[in-house]
Amino acid sequence: MTATPSRTVARAGALIVALTSLAFLWWVAEDRGGNLRTLAILVSVTYAAGWVVYFCLTGGALRTALLNCFISSGALALALGLLELPAWLGLIDYRLVLPPSRHLGFTRIKPWADPRNVPDAELIYRRPPGGRITGETIGDLVYWLGIKTDRRYTLDVRYDSRGFRNERDLDSAAVVLVGDSFLETGLVRDADSLSAQLRQRLGGVDVANLGLSGYGPQQALAVIRRYAVALGPRLVVWFFFEGNDLLDVPRYVELTRDWDRTLNVYHGFGERAFTTNVLRHLADRLTVAPVHDRPDARTRSCTLDSGRHGSPETIYFAYPGEPLTIDELGALGVTEALVESAQRLTSAHEITLLLAFVPTKFRVYYDYCSFPAGSMAGRWRPNDLPARMATWSAAAGVPFLDLTAPLRRAAERGDLVYFPDDGHWNPAGIVVAADALSAWICRSGVLPSDRSPCHP
């Protein structure tokens, strides 16, 4: 049957409306590369719009077009069902079959949500024994804040049989370091890690690195109990990062309160599903690098003077300088109780426990950089957390080392001791921390004379 002119015009109008509406939806959905729900809706609408286009372009009867739509959609649903069945039965995890880009896996996926890691009811997760992560990554603030950059960092991180970043297995260690990503230090080489730098300064004594990204105070105590004591150290250093360790306290409670639910949320069928992981891959491809810093990046940045290293450098801040909240003060009380438990445990084994305070990049640099006009960071001021912790530690008899002062001295000299687009120490910052820690160890005399260069 030949289409009448009015029908042709109607089809053309419907076609134009469908294509225009579809293009508009994809254009206005700025988070299509990061929000899977938005992306799923866009894909579904696109599929439906494709059939609208087909209906408009086909010259056949509407009944035939609808039958084709029904058969094709049914076949697609059946294919998806067959692909999803092994994931639903727990036979396939499509996160492993269709893994994300390496930089996404290291900087955007929470480690307890990464299927390559080992779920642990007490530690939330562990790295797989003997694992290795290689490739390239971006700074952890790039996606978070929307930073324009083409900077990439080389990844080559090796783990021992316990799942910690050590070049070799250690049966014993004079010094054990416990903490989070400041110890795992994914963006630096093995030789530049804090444990390696400290070992060099202490004359080659074994230093065990038992820190992993995302570990908070509860996990630190568990690591000391499960792993550190067995190594027979003379010193355990607990690194407390002010940026997120207080936030980790309630998060740990939430994740461990109902472990079966947590496993289902992060490793259940919805996460393993083929459809979910195809959408993630599509989201990865649709995530467009910003052509200029987005507002969050600009308002959380400052520019360092050229100092001793040449041209000015823009750095970005993850964590603000703000007064402690009621919730944070409560988390601080929990942390103090955990440190006291760790001290009782280590003292029972004749081990010294040192609490080391790791400051945020903002606390180190706020006096030594220029903030853009209208910057939110320019209105921030550091809180009194290190002073609070120093006072409590003195009263509790827990040795305390605040790393703020040596890092600020380096910043005052014009040194860059944190990565510009990442919240962690760079190799220069690790050197500052290693120098300060080795100096404390020498002053304290915790290592016997035959194991330390600090003594004649």
Protein backbone atom coordinates (compact mmCIF):
# COMPACT_ATOMS: atom_id res chain seq x y z
CA MET A 1 0.00 0.00 0.00
CA THR A 2 1.39 3.41 -0.98
CA ALA A 3 1.64 5.89 1.87
CA THR A 4 -0.55 8.98 1.52
CA PRO A 5 1.15 12.41 1.67
CA SER A 6 -0.39 13.12 5.06
CA ARG A 7 0.91 9.82 6.43
CA THR A 8 4.38 10.53 5.03
CA VAL A 9 4.41 13.95 6.66
CA ALA A 10 3.30 12.43 9.98
CA ARG A 11 6.03 9.82 9.82
CA ALA A 12 8.64 12.44 9.00
CA GLY A 13 7.45 14.58 11.89
CA ALA A 14 7.56 11.64 14.31
CA LEU A 15 11.04 10.77 13.08
CA ILE A 16 12.31 14.30 13.63
CA VAL A 17 10.75 14.48 17.11
CA ALA A 18 12.20 11.09 18.09
CA LEU A 19 15.73 11.90 16.94
CA THR A 20 15.68 15.42 18.37
CA SER A 21 14.35 14.24 21.74
CA LEU A 22 16.95 11.48 21.88
CA ALA A 23 19.81 13.83 21.08
CA PHE A 24 18.55 16.29 23.69
CA LEU A 25 18.33 13.60 26.38
CA TRP A 26 21.93 12.48 25.77
CA TRP A 27 23.11 16.08 25.73
CA VAL A 28 21.49 17.16 29.01
CA ALA A 29 22.45 13.96 30.89
CA GLU A 30 25.90 15.18 31.97
CA ASP A 31 26.38 12.29 34.40
CA ARG A 32 25.66 9.62 31.79
CA GLY A 33 29.24 8.41 32.12
CA GLY A 34 29.11 8.00 35.87
CA ASN A 35 25.54 7.17 36.86
CA LEU A 36 24.53 3.67 35.78
CA ARG A 37 20.84 4.29 36.42
CA THR A 38 20.86 7.35 34.16
CA LEU A 39 22.78 5.42 31.55
CA ALA A 40 20.37 2.47 31.70
CA ILE A 41 17.44 4.82 31.15
CA LEU A 42 19.19 6.47 28.21
CA VAL A 43 19.99 3.11 26.62
CA SER A 44 16.39 1.94 27.06
CA VAL A 45 15.02 5.17 25.61
CA THR A 46 17.48 4.89 22.72
CA TYR A 47 16.29 1.34 22.01
CA ALA A 48 12.66 2.46 22.04
CA ALA A 49 13.49 5.44 19.84
CA GLY A 50 15.17 3.09 17.38
CA TRP A 51 11.89 1.29 16.92
CA VAL A 52 10.07 4.58 16.50
CA VAL A 53 12.50 5.42 13.72
CA TYR A 54 11.89 1.97 12.20
CA PHE A 55 8.12 2.49 12.32
CA CYS A 56 8.53 5.85 10.62
CA LEU A 57 10.83 4.60 7.87
CA THR A 58 9.20 1.28 7.07
CA GLY A 59 6.74 1.25 4.26
CA GLY A 60 4.96 -1.87 5.50
CA ALA A 61 1.87 -2.26 7.64
CA LEU A 62 1.98 -1.21 11.28
CA ARG A 63 0.98 -4.73 12.36
CA THR A 64 4.02 -6.23 10.63
CA ALA A 65 6.32 -3.62 12.19
CA LEU A 66 4.92 -4.34 15.66
CA LEU A 67 5.38 -8.09 15.13
CA ASN A 68 9.02 -7.52 14.15
CA CYS A 69 9.50 -5.38 17.27
CA PHE A 70 7.95 -8.08 19.48
CA ILE A 71 10.06 -10.90 17.98
CA SER A 72 13.32 -8.92 18.08
CA SER A 73 12.77 -7.68 21.64
CA GLY A 74 11.84 -11.17 22.80
CA ALA A 75 15.00 -12.61 21.23
CA LEU A 76 17.07 -9.91 22.91
CA ALA A 77 15.46 -10.60 26.27
CA LEU A 78 16.08 -14.33 25.88
CA ALA A 79 19.75 -13.75 24.99
CA LEU A 80 20.20 -11.50 27.99
CA GLY A 81 18.51 -14.05 30.20
CA LEU A 82 20.87 -16.79 29.04
CA LEU A 83 23.86 -14.52 29.66
CA GLU A 84 22.59 -13.56 33.13
CA LEU A 85 21.75 -17.11 34.26
CA PRO A 86 25.34 -18.15 35.15
CA ALA A 87 25.83 -14.88 37.05
CA TRP A 88 22.58 -15.44 38.96
CA LEU A 89 23.74 -19.00 39.81
CA GLY A 90 27.09 -17.64 41.00
CA LEU A 91 29.05 -19.42 38.26
CA ILE A 92 30.35 -16.28 36.54
CA ASP A 93 31.26 -12.84 37.82
CA TYR A 94 31.17 -10.56 34.79
CA ARG A 95 33.27 -8.01 36.67
CA LEU A 96 36.15 -10.41 36.07
CA VAL A 97 35.15 -11.23 32.51
CA LEU A 98 34.64 -7.55 31.64
CA PRO A 99 37.01 -5.79 34.06
CA PRO A 100 37.07 -1.98 34.09
CA SER A 101 40.00 0.03 32.86
CA ARG A 102 42.91 -0.36 35.24
CA HIS A 103 42.90 3.29 36.24
CA LEU A 104 39.21 3.04 37.08
CA GLY A 105 39.80 -0.11 39.12
CA PHE A 106 42.52 1.52 41.17
CA THR A 107 41.19 5.03 41.64
CA ARG A 108 37.38 4.87 41.44
CA ILE A 109 36.28 1.47 42.71
CA LYS A 110 36.22 1.01 46.47
CA PRO A 111 38.62 -1.83 47.30
CA TRP A 112 35.94 -3.79 49.17
CA ALA A 113 33.80 -3.66 46.01
CA ASP A 114 36.60 -4.96 43.76
CA PRO A 115 35.99 -8.65 42.92
CA ARG A 116 39.74 -9.22 42.61
CA ASN A 117 40.07 -8.65 46.35
CA VAL A 118 39.17 -11.12 49.08
CA PRO A 119 36.14 -10.32 51.29
CA ASP A 120 36.93 -10.52 55.00
CA ALA A 121 34.30 -10.16 57.73
CA GLU A 122 36.75 -8.43 60.08
CA LEU A 123 38.96 -6.46 57.69
CA ILE A 124 36.22 -5.89 55.06
CA TYR A 125 38.67 -6.94 52.36
CA ARG A 126 42.21 -8.22 51.74
CA ARG A 127 44.39 -8.05 48.67
CA PRO A 128 44.91 -11.47 47.03
CA PRO A 129 48.13 -13.18 48.19
CA GLY A 130 51.03 -12.72 45.79
CA GLY A 131 49.04 -10.36 43.58
CA ARG A 132 50.39 -7.64 41.37
CA ILE A 133 48.81 -4.54 39.85
CA THR A 134 50.43 -2.98 36.79
CA GLY A 135 49.47 -0.36 34.24
CA GLU A 136 48.72 3.35 34.44
CA THR A 137 46.39 5.38 36.60
CA ILE A 138 45.23 8.92 37.17
CA GLY A 139 45.26 10.80 40.46
CA ASP A 140 42.39 9.94 42.77
CA LEU A 141 41.03 13.52 42.66
CA VAL A 142 40.73 13.75 38.87
CA TYR A 143 37.30 12.14 38.56
CA TRP A 144 36.20 13.21 42.01
CA LEU A 145 36.69 16.94 41.41
CA GLY A 146 36.74 17.09 37.60
CA ILE A 147 40.35 18.10 37.00
CA LYS A 148 41.64 18.82 33.51
CA THR A 149 44.86 16.85 33.20
CA ASP A 150 46.70 14.43 30.98
CA ARG A 151 48.99 13.32 33.81
CA ARG A 152 49.31 9.55 34.28
CA TYR A 153 51.13 7.53 36.92
CA THR A 154 52.76 4.16 36.41
CA LEU A 155 51.39 1.31 38.52
CA ASP A 156 53.55 -1.62 39.58
CA VAL A 157 52.43 -2.81 42.99
CA ARG A 158 53.37 -6.24 44.34
CA TYR A 159 51.86 -8.00 47.33
CA ASP A 160 53.25 -10.68 49.63
CA SER A 161 51.59 -13.92 50.70
CA ARG A 162 49.54 -12.03 53.30
CA GLY A 163 48.23 -9.54 50.72
CA PHE A 164 50.28 -6.53 51.85
CA ARG A 165 52.68 -4.44 49.78
CA ASN A 166 56.03 -6.00 50.57
CA GLU A 167 58.57 -7.10 47.98
CA ARG A 168 59.10 -10.37 49.82
CA ASP A 169 57.54 -12.39 52.60
CA LEU A 170 58.75 -11.51 56.08
CA ASP A 171 58.76 -13.95 58.98
CA SER A 172 59.92 -11.22 61.34
CA ALA A 173 60.41 -7.46 61.28
CA ALA A 174 61.93 -4.97 63.69
CA VAL A 175 59.41 -2.29 62.65
CA VAL A 176 55.82 -2.75 61.47
CA LEU A 177 53.80 0.00 59.78
CA VAL A 178 50.01 -0.09 60.02
CA GLY A 179 47.63 2.26 58.23
CA ASP A 180 45.89 2.97 54.94
CA SER A 181 46.72 4.09 51.39
CA PHE A 182 49.56 6.31 52.61
CA LEU A 183 51.41 3.06 53.22
CA GLU A 184 50.15 1.13 50.21
CA THR A 185 51.26 4.11 48.10
CA GLY A 186 50.05 2.82 44.75
CA LEU A 187 51.47 5.72 42.73
CA VAL A 188 55.11 5.20 43.76
CA ARG A 189 57.69 2.52 43.07
CA ASP A 190 58.56 -0.14 45.62
CA ALA A 191 61.87 1.58 46.29
CA ASP A 192 60.10 4.86 47.07
CA SER A 193 57.56 3.41 49.52
CA LEU A 194 57.73 4.47 53.14
CA SER A 195 58.73 1.00 54.32
CA ALA A 196 61.62 0.87 51.82
CA GLN A 197 62.80 4.39 52.67
CA LEU A 198 62.66 3.67 56.38
CA ARG A 199 64.52 0.38 55.97
CA GLN A 200 67.28 2.25 54.16
CA ARG A 201 67.59 4.81 56.97
CA LEU A 202 67.66 2.14 59.65
CA GLY A 203 70.58 0.27 58.18
CA GLY A 204 68.60 -2.41 56.41
CA VAL A 205 66.51 -3.72 59.32
CA ASP A 206 63.31 -5.36 58.15
CA VAL A 207 60.32 -3.01 58.01
CA ALA A 208 56.95 -4.66 57.31
CA ASN A 209 54.27 -2.67 55.51
CA LEU A 210 50.81 -3.76 56.72
CA GLY A 211 48.82 -0.84 55.33
CA LEU A 212 46.02 -1.06 52.76
CA SER A 213 43.78 1.51 51.09
CA GLY A 214 40.53 2.09 52.91
CA TYR A 215 41.67 0.62 56.23
CA GLY A 216 40.48 2.67 59.19
CA PRO A 217 41.04 2.50 62.96
CA GLN A 218 39.09 -0.73 63.52
CA GLN A 219 41.04 -2.49 60.79
CA ALA A 220 44.34 -1.12 62.10
CA LEU A 221 43.73 -2.79 65.47
CA ALA A 222 42.73 -6.03 63.74
CA VAL A 223 45.89 -5.95 61.61
CA ILE A 224 48.05 -5.46 64.69
CA ARG A 225 46.37 -8.41 66.38
CA ARG A 226 46.28 -10.73 63.35
CA TYR A 227 49.57 -9.96 61.66
CA ALA A 228 51.85 -7.45 63.38
CA VAL A 229 52.39 -9.16 66.72
CA ALA A 230 53.35 -12.43 65.02
CA LEU A 231 56.28 -10.67 63.32
CA GLY A 232 57.89 -9.97 66.70
CA PRO A 233 58.64 -6.27 66.11
CA ARG A 234 60.20 -3.84 68.56
CA LEU A 235 58.03 -1.03 67.19
CA VAL A 236 54.58 -0.79 65.63
CA VAL A 237 53.73 2.55 63.99
CA TRP A 238 50.02 3.28 63.62
CA PHE A 239 49.53 5.94 60.91
CA PHE A 240 46.36 7.97 61.45
CA PHE A 241 45.26 9.98 58.40
CA GLU A 242 43.10 12.92 59.40
CA GLY A 243 41.40 13.10 56.01
CA ASN A 244 39.18 10.05 56.30
CA ASP A 245 40.09 7.87 59.28
CA LEU A 246 37.35 9.43 61.41
CA LEU A 247 34.92 8.86 58.54
CA ASP A 248 36.07 5.24 58.35
CA VAL A 249 34.90 4.55 61.92
CA PRO A 250 31.11 4.69 61.25
CA ARG A 251 31.57 3.22 57.77
CA TYR A 252 33.25 0.16 59.28
CA VAL A 253 30.33 -0.26 61.67
CA GLU A 254 27.86 0.00 58.80
CA LEU A 255 29.73 -2.51 56.63
CA THR A 256 30.22 -5.10 59.37
CA ARG A 257 26.83 -4.79 61.11
CA ASP A 258 25.21 -7.20 58.66
CA TRP A 259 28.01 -8.92 56.77
CA ASP A 260 25.69 -11.01 54.58
CA ARG A 261 23.93 -7.85 53.44
CA THR A 262 27.26 -6.16 52.73
CA LEU A 263 28.38 -9.11 50.63
CA ASN A 264 25.12 -8.96 48.69
CA VAL A 265 25.39 -5.21 48.12
CA TYR A 266 28.96 -5.33 46.84
CA HIS A 267 29.20 -8.85 45.41
CA GLY A 268 25.61 -9.97 44.80
CA PHE A 269 23.93 -10.71 41.49
CA GLY A 270 23.34 -7.04 40.72
CA GLU A 271 27.09 -6.43 40.77
CA ARG A 272 28.01 -9.66 38.95
CA ALA A 273 25.40 -9.25 36.22
CA PHE A 274 26.28 -9.04 32.54
CA THR A 275 23.99 -6.05 31.97
CA THR A 276 25.49 -4.06 34.84
CA ASN A 277 29.03 -4.59 33.64
CA VAL A 278 28.24 -3.81 30.00
CA LEU A 279 26.74 -0.54 31.20
CA ARG A 280 29.89 0.13 33.23
CA HIS A 281 32.02 -0.36 30.14
CA LEU A 282 29.77 1.98 28.20
CA ALA A 283 29.99 4.51 31.04
CA ASP A 284 33.77 4.26 30.91
CA ARG A 285 33.76 5.04 27.21
CA LEU A 286 31.33 7.93 27.63
CA THR A 287 33.23 9.59 30.47
CA VAL A 288 34.70 12.64 28.77
CA ALA A 289 37.79 14.27 30.19
CA PRO A 290 37.01 17.90 31.09
CA VAL A 291 38.43 20.54 28.77
CA HIS A 292 38.93 22.80 31.79
CA ASP A 293 38.71 22.39 35.54
CA ARG A 294 35.15 21.98 36.71
CA PRO A 295 33.83 24.21 39.52
CA ASP A 296 34.58 21.68 42.28
CA ALA A 297 38.18 21.48 41.11
CA ARG A 298 38.67 25.24 40.90
CA THR A 299 37.15 25.96 44.29
CA ARG A 300 39.28 23.26 45.93
CA SER A 301 42.58 24.33 44.40
CA CYS A 302 45.42 26.73 44.93
CA THR A 303 48.57 27.70 43.05
CA LEU A 304 52.00 27.22 44.58
CA ASP A 305 54.67 29.79 43.94
CA SER A 306 57.48 28.58 41.72
CA GLY A 307 59.73 27.92 44.71
CA ARG A 308 62.83 25.94 43.91
CA HIS A 309 61.28 23.80 41.19
CA GLY A 310 60.48 26.26 38.42
CA SER A 311 56.99 27.00 37.16
CA PRO A 312 53.97 27.42 39.45
CA GLU A 313 51.93 24.30 40.20
CA THR A 314 48.19 24.03 40.80
CA ILE A 315 47.31 21.56 43.53
CA TYR A 316 43.90 20.23 44.57
CA PHE A 317 42.50 19.42 47.98
CA ALA A 318 40.36 16.41 48.80
CA TYR A 319 39.53 17.23 52.41
CA PRO A 320 38.51 20.64 53.76
CA GLY A 321 39.82 22.49 56.76
CA GLU A 322 36.76 22.73 58.96
CA PRO A 323 35.90 22.36 62.67
CA LEU A 324 35.33 18.84 63.89
CA THR A 325 31.68 17.79 63.87
CA ILE A 326 29.87 16.01 66.68
CA ASP A 327 30.06 12.76 64.70
CA GLU A 328 33.79 13.20 64.14
CA LEU A 329 34.39 13.85 67.83
CA GLY A 330 32.50 10.65 68.58
CA ALA A 331 34.65 8.78 66.06
CA LEU A 332 37.74 10.29 67.67
CA GLY A 333 36.66 8.82 71.02
CA VAL A 334 36.25 5.41 69.39
CA THR A 335 39.71 5.76 67.82
CA GLU A 336 41.29 6.60 71.16
CA ALA A 337 39.74 3.50 72.72
CA LEU A 338 41.08 1.39 69.83
CA VAL A 339 44.57 2.84 70.23
CA GLU A 340 44.47 2.05 73.94
CA SER A 341 43.51 -1.54 73.10
CA ALA A 342 46.41 -1.71 70.66
CA GLN A 343 48.79 -0.36 73.29
CA ARG A 344 47.72 -2.98 75.82
CA LEU A 345 48.21 -5.68 73.22
CA THR A 346 51.63 -4.48 72.08
CA SER A 347 52.83 -3.82 75.62
CA ALA A 348 51.98 -7.39 76.57
CA HIS A 349 54.46 -8.48 73.88
CA GLU A 350 57.07 -5.84 74.82
CA ILE A 351 56.40 -3.87 71.65
CA THR A 352 56.38 -0.07 71.54
CA LEU A 353 53.35 1.48 69.85
CA LEU A 354 53.80 4.86 68.14
CA LEU A 355 50.83 6.87 66.89
CA ALA A 356 51.81 8.94 63.84
CA PHE A 357 49.56 11.77 62.62
CA VAL A 358 49.28 12.14 58.83
CA PRO A 359 47.97 15.61 57.84
CA THR A 360 45.90 16.47 54.80
CA LYS A 361 47.44 18.35 51.91
CA PHE A 362 45.43 21.43 52.91
CA ARG A 363 46.88 21.52 56.44
CA VAL A 364 50.36 21.43 54.96
CA TYR A 365 49.93 24.01 52.18
CA TYR A 366 47.24 26.49 53.18
CA ASP A 367 49.80 29.15 54.14
CA TYR A 368 52.03 28.67 51.11
CA CYS A 369 49.77 29.00 48.07
CA SER A 370 47.45 31.47 46.34
CA PHE A 371 43.73 30.70 46.14
CA PRO A 372 41.60 31.73 43.16
CA ALA A 373 38.99 34.43 43.62
CA GLY A 374 35.89 33.11 45.33
CA SER A 375 37.63 29.89 46.30
CA MET A 376 35.95 27.77 48.94
CA ALA A 377 39.36 26.47 50.04
CA GLY A 378 40.51 30.04 50.65
CA ARG A 379 37.95 30.27 53.46
CA TRP A 380 38.98 27.03 55.15
CA ARG A 381 41.11 26.87 58.27
CA PRO A 382 42.74 23.76 59.80
CA ASN A 383 41.03 22.41 62.90
CA ASP A 384 42.67 21.42 66.19
CA LEU A 385 42.69 17.66 65.62
CA PRO A 386 46.49 17.13 65.93
CA ALA A 387 46.57 19.16 69.15
CA ARG A 388 43.70 17.11 70.55
CA MET A 389 45.44 13.87 69.66
CA ALA A 390 48.77 15.04 71.08
CA THR A 391 47.13 15.98 74.39
CA TRP A 392 45.24 12.69 74.61
CA SER A 393 48.33 10.64 73.70
CA ALA A 394 50.40 12.32 76.39
CA ALA A 395 47.73 11.61 78.99
CA ALA A 396 47.35 7.99 77.82
CA GLY A 397 51.09 7.36 77.68
CA VAL A 398 51.04 6.62 73.94
CA PRO A 399 54.03 8.04 72.03
CA PHE A 400 52.85 10.50 69.38
CA LEU A 401 54.56 11.85 66.25
CA ASP A 402 52.89 14.68 64.35
CA LEU A 403 54.20 14.73 60.77
CA THR A 404 52.65 18.13 60.05
CA ALA A 405 55.67 20.26 61.02
CA PRO A 406 58.31 18.56 58.84
CA LEU A 407 55.93 18.48 55.87
CA ARG A 408 55.12 22.18 56.32
CA ARG A 409 58.81 23.03 56.48
CA ALA A 410 59.24 21.30 53.14
CA ALA A 411 56.24 23.18 51.76
CA GLU A 412 57.68 26.49 52.98
CA ARG A 413 60.88 25.74 51.06
CA GLY A 414 58.80 25.36 47.91
CA ASP A 415 58.88 21.56 47.80
CA LEU A 416 55.90 19.62 46.50
CA VAL A 417 55.35 16.74 48.93
CA TYR A 418 51.90 15.57 47.75
CA PHE A 419 50.83 14.67 44.24
CA PRO A 420 49.09 17.70 42.67
CA ASP A 421 45.94 15.82 41.62
CA ASP A 422 45.97 13.11 44.27
CA GLY A 423 45.59 13.22 48.05
CA HIS A 424 48.73 11.22 48.90
CA TRP A 425 52.41 11.87 49.46
CA ASN A 426 54.63 11.80 46.42
CA PRO A 427 58.17 10.34 46.76
CA ALA A 428 59.45 13.65 48.18
CA GLY A 429 56.75 13.60 50.87
CA ILE A 430 57.58 10.00 51.72
CA VAL A 431 61.23 11.02 52.19
CA VAL A 432 60.14 13.73 54.65
CA ALA A 433 58.02 11.24 56.60
CA ALA A 434 60.79 8.62 56.59
CA ASP A 435 63.33 11.17 57.86
CA ALA A 436 61.01 12.27 60.67
CA LEU A 437 60.15 8.71 61.67
CA SER A 438 63.74 7.46 61.59
CA ALA A 439 64.80 10.46 63.69
CA TRP A 440 62.12 9.60 66.26
CA ILE A 441 63.27 5.97 66.31
CA CYS A 442 66.86 7.04 66.89
CA ARG A 443 65.86 9.35 69.73
CA SER A 444 63.64 6.75 71.37
CA GLY A 445 66.17 3.92 71.34
CA VAL A 446 63.49 1.34 70.63
CA LEU A 447 65.82 -0.68 68.40
CA PRO A 448 68.74 -2.57 69.96
CA SER A 449 72.22 -1.35 69.10
CA ASP A 450 72.99 -4.34 66.89
CA ARG A 451 69.96 -3.65 64.67
CA SER A 452 70.09 0.10 64.22
CA PRO A 453 72.65 2.62 62.95
CA CYS A 454 71.35 5.10 65.52
CA HIS A 455 73.61 3.63 68.23
CA PRO A 456 77.39 3.21 68.32
